[in-house]
Each structure stands twice: as C-alpha cells, then as structure tokens.
Amino acid sequence: MCTATIDDVVHGSGWYYIGCGVCHTKATKGPTTLMCKKCGKSEIDGVAQYLSKLSVYDQKDQAVFVVLGDAGEELTGKKAAELVERYYQANEDVGEDHIVPVPQAMIDIIGQTRKFIAKVSNHNLNGKSQTLTVTKVLPLKAPEPVVETGENVDGESDSGRRSADGVEFKGVKRAKCG
C-alpha cells in the first residue's frame, strides 16, 4: 500500500480494453465474434474494462501505475463501459477501430492524492516497462476539522458562531468521500 499523487495519465496507449463479461480477461477476435481463451467460450459479450497507465509521485520517487478494472472505477467513479459507450454515442461517425481519447473523468483525477494497493512481482521490477499493477484504490481519510471552544478576545463564546455572516450550527458537516 502506498500514498501517491497522480501526475498524469500516460498518453500514447489506450485507456481501456474489451474483456470477457464473465472473467474480465482480454477478449480475442474470432472470425465473427469475440472469444475468451480463459473461459474457453467462442462467443462472449465484450465489456470495456479500465487499463490505464498513470504517472504518480510521492515525496521520494516517481512511478507508473497500471490501473485495471474496478480500480479505475474506484478512481473515476464511472464504469469504463459507460465512458466508452457515451463516447461512441456522441461520435457515431467514427469506426470501431477508432482510438477513444482519454475521457474527462480520467483527466479530472490528475492532482489527486490517493492510497493505492499495488501488486508487485519480479515481472514488475525486471520487465522492460517496470510498471506496478494497482489492484485497489482507497480514498484518503479527510482530516478531522479543528473546532476550538473557549473565549474570544471580546469575551463571547467561540462555540456558537463560526462564520462572518453569523450562521450558527450545532456540529461540523463534511462531504463523504467515495
């Protein structure tokens, strides 16, 4: 597990693949249908799955993470299939082999700091690409708000009013992540 900031979505490669609807293995093109080697089926329903490369950094190092499947959805809040379908609906004139550009949902994650669970093996470290495969993305826990109580310089209690417009509140509310 590591905490890193997303620097960029690596360009020059696709951000998704078409996988088997059952096991998510990359589908292969048969003569007239999509096939799955893992399931052994010669006719499958293909589903878009995330396969994105992200450049990330922390205080010490920079790395490239490969984000697959559900981890991409955890980052963007959107299913890859939804983003691909939306693109093709808006661009009906493009062919099937057209490269779908990186969606705005992926661009919007640049600059976010997240906790990543990555799978590390000898292949990751000795291969020519040296990327780490992300299996899960966790939100960073938001810091608890600091609420001070006590006396102000003018003698009024600090606990009832917190803003310049005089709005009173009973407790702090914050947005839920996830």
Protein backbone atom coordinates (compact mmCIF):
# COMPACT_ATOMS: atom_id res chain seq x y z
CA MET A 1 0.00 0.00 0.00
CA CYS A 2 1.30 3.44 -0.82
CA THR A 3 0.07 7.00 -0.96
CA ALA A 4 0.86 8.89 -4.15
CA THR A 5 -0.28 11.91 -6.15
CA ILE A 6 -1.44 11.38 -9.73
CA ASP A 7 0.80 13.41 -12.01
CA ASP A 8 -0.63 12.47 -15.42
CA VAL A 9 -2.48 9.91 -17.47
CA VAL A 10 0.20 8.36 -19.69
CA HIS A 11 -0.56 9.16 -23.31
CA GLY A 12 0.13 7.02 -26.34
CA SER A 13 -1.72 3.92 -25.23
CA GLY A 14 -5.38 3.02 -24.88
CA TRP A 15 -7.03 3.58 -21.53
CA TYR A 16 -9.35 0.55 -21.74
CA TYR A 17 -9.64 -2.90 -23.26
CA ILE A 18 -12.57 -5.13 -24.23
CA GLY A 19 -12.75 -8.04 -21.83
CA CYS A 20 -14.89 -11.07 -21.23
CA GLY A 21 -18.09 -10.15 -19.43
CA VAL A 22 -17.59 -13.09 -17.04
CA CYS A 23 -13.88 -13.28 -16.16
CA HIS A 24 -12.66 -9.88 -17.50
CA THR A 25 -9.80 -11.49 -19.44
CA LYS A 26 -8.94 -9.58 -22.60
CA ALA A 27 -11.22 -10.81 -25.38
CA THR A 28 -9.80 -12.01 -28.68
CA LYS A 29 -11.42 -11.51 -32.06
CA GLY A 30 -12.75 -14.65 -33.63
CA PRO A 31 -13.99 -14.95 -37.23
CA THR A 32 -17.36 -13.36 -36.39
CA THR A 33 -17.50 -12.96 -32.58
CA LEU A 34 -15.41 -12.16 -29.53
CA MET A 35 -13.86 -15.14 -27.77
CA CYS A 36 -12.38 -15.76 -24.33
CA LYS A 37 -9.36 -18.03 -24.02
CA LYS A 38 -9.66 -18.31 -20.24
CA CYS A 39 -13.36 -19.30 -20.20
CA GLY A 40 -12.98 -21.31 -23.42
CA LYS A 41 -16.08 -19.71 -24.91
CA SER A 42 -16.16 -18.93 -28.62
CA GLU A 43 -18.89 -16.32 -28.27
CA ILE A 44 -18.86 -13.81 -25.41
CA ASP A 45 -20.28 -10.42 -24.56
CA GLY A 46 -17.38 -7.97 -24.51
CA VAL A 47 -17.30 -5.32 -21.79
CA ALA A 48 -14.97 -2.31 -21.64
CA GLN A 49 -12.55 -2.54 -18.69
CA TYR A 50 -10.03 0.03 -17.44
CA LEU A 51 -6.42 -0.43 -18.48
CA SER A 52 -4.85 2.94 -17.77
CA LYS A 53 -1.29 3.98 -17.08
CA LEU A 54 -0.84 6.72 -14.52
CA SER A 55 2.29 8.63 -13.69
CA VAL A 56 2.38 9.09 -9.90
CA TYR A 57 4.79 10.50 -7.33
CA ASP A 58 5.35 10.85 -3.62
CA GLN A 59 7.96 12.80 -1.65
CA LYS A 60 10.78 10.47 -2.79
CA ASP A 61 10.01 8.76 -6.10
CA GLN A 62 8.01 8.72 -9.30
CA ALA A 63 6.44 5.60 -10.82
CA VAL A 64 3.99 4.38 -13.43
CA PHE A 65 0.95 2.51 -12.18
CA VAL A 66 -1.26 0.34 -14.38
CA VAL A 67 -4.85 0.66 -13.22
CA LEU A 68 -7.11 -2.26 -14.14
CA GLY A 69 -10.85 -2.91 -13.95
CA ASP A 70 -12.55 -1.95 -10.71
CA ALA A 71 -9.59 0.15 -9.55
CA GLY A 72 -10.27 2.53 -12.46
CA GLU A 73 -13.89 2.82 -11.40
CA GLU A 74 -12.76 3.49 -7.82
CA LEU A 75 -10.65 6.38 -9.12
CA THR A 76 -13.12 7.99 -11.50
CA GLY A 77 -16.47 6.97 -10.04
CA LYS A 78 -17.52 5.79 -13.53
CA LYS A 79 -17.53 2.41 -15.25
CA ALA A 80 -15.25 2.17 -18.29
CA ALA A 81 -18.13 0.70 -20.32
CA GLU A 82 -20.24 3.79 -19.58
CA LEU A 83 -17.48 6.17 -20.72
CA VAL A 84 -16.79 4.22 -23.93
CA GLU A 85 -20.49 3.94 -24.77
CA ARG A 86 -21.01 7.65 -24.15
CA TYR A 87 -18.10 8.48 -26.48
CA TYR A 88 -19.41 6.32 -29.33
CA GLN A 89 -22.92 7.71 -28.92
CA ALA A 90 -21.59 11.26 -29.22
CA ASN A 91 -19.33 10.32 -32.16
CA GLU A 92 -21.47 8.00 -34.27
CA ASP A 93 -19.39 8.66 -37.38
CA VAL A 94 -16.17 7.07 -36.04
CA GLY A 95 -15.31 3.45 -36.83
CA GLU A 96 -14.93 0.56 -34.40
CA ASP A 97 -11.14 0.68 -34.60
CA HIS A 98 -11.06 4.39 -33.70
CA ILE A 99 -8.95 5.19 -30.64
CA VAL A 100 -11.19 6.63 -27.94
CA PRO A 101 -9.45 9.61 -26.31
CA VAL A 102 -8.88 9.66 -22.57
CA PRO A 103 -12.19 10.76 -21.04
CA GLN A 104 -12.56 13.85 -18.87
CA ALA A 105 -13.27 11.60 -15.85
CA MET A 106 -9.68 10.31 -16.15
CA ILE A 107 -8.21 13.78 -16.70
CA ASP A 108 -10.04 15.02 -13.58
CA ILE A 109 -8.08 12.63 -11.32
CA ILE A 110 -4.78 14.39 -12.11
CA GLY A 111 -3.55 16.12 -8.96
CA GLN A 112 -5.45 13.83 -6.58
CA THR A 113 -3.55 12.10 -3.80
CA ARG A 114 -4.86 8.60 -3.12
CA LYS A 115 -3.91 5.37 -1.38
CA PHE A 116 -3.10 2.62 -3.87
CA ILE A 117 -2.76 -1.09 -3.26
CA ALA A 118 -0.32 -2.39 -5.86
CA LYS A 119 0.68 -5.90 -6.84
CA VAL A 120 4.46 -6.19 -7.03
CA SER A 121 6.23 -9.16 -8.61
CA ASN A 122 9.57 -9.86 -10.28
CA HIS A 123 7.90 -9.14 -13.62
CA ASN A 124 7.06 -5.63 -12.44
CA LEU A 125 10.62 -4.90 -11.42
CA ASN A 126 12.61 -6.80 -14.05
CA GLY A 127 10.41 -6.32 -17.11
CA LYS A 128 11.14 -3.66 -19.68
CA SER A 129 8.18 -1.46 -18.68
CA GLN A 130 8.69 -1.61 -14.87
CA THR A 131 5.13 -0.65 -14.02
CA LEU A 132 3.17 -1.59 -10.92
CA THR A 133 -0.33 -3.02 -11.22
CA VAL A 134 -2.90 -1.34 -8.99
CA THR A 135 -5.49 -3.73 -7.60
CA LYS A 136 -7.42 -1.29 -5.39
CA VAL A 137 -7.68 2.45 -4.82
CA LEU A 138 -8.68 3.77 -1.41
CA PRO A 139 -9.78 7.32 -0.62
CA LEU A 140 -7.59 9.29 1.72
CA LYS A 141 -9.30 9.87 5.04
CA ALA A 142 -10.27 13.52 5.30
CA PRO A 143 -8.67 15.29 8.25
CA GLU A 144 -10.97 15.92 11.16
CA PRO A 145 -11.95 19.59 11.43
CA VAL A 146 -10.43 21.58 14.25
CA VAL A 147 -13.09 23.16 16.42
CA GLU A 148 -11.84 25.36 19.18
CA THR A 149 -14.02 26.32 22.09
CA GLY A 150 -13.36 28.98 24.58
CA GLU A 151 -13.41 32.71 24.88
CA ASN A 152 -12.77 35.20 22.09
CA VAL A 153 -10.88 38.37 22.79
CA ASP A 154 -14.19 40.26 23.08
CA GLY A 155 -15.45 37.79 25.69
CA GLU A 156 -18.06 35.98 23.51
CA SER A 157 -18.14 32.23 23.40
CA ASP A 158 -16.47 30.84 20.28
CA SER A 159 -18.62 27.71 20.03
CA GLY A 160 -21.88 29.22 18.73
CA ARG A 161 -20.76 31.29 15.76
CA ARG A 162 -18.17 30.26 13.20
CA SER A 163 -18.54 32.48 10.17
CA ALA A 164 -18.57 36.14 9.28
CA ASP A 165 -22.26 36.02 8.32
CA GLY A 166 -23.30 34.89 11.81
CA VAL A 167 -24.66 31.47 10.80
CA GLU A 168 -24.97 29.24 13.82
CA PHE A 169 -24.54 25.47 13.70
CA LYS A 170 -24.69 22.53 16.06
CA GLY A 171 -21.93 20.41 14.50
CA VAL A 172 -19.50 20.22 11.64
CA LYS A 173 -20.70 18.51 8.47
CA ARG A 174 -18.42 17.41 5.68
CA ALA A 175 -18.83 15.67 2.39
CA LYS A 176 -18.49 11.91 2.34
CA CYS A 177 -15.79 10.58 0.01
CA GLY A 178 -16.37 7.58 -2.16
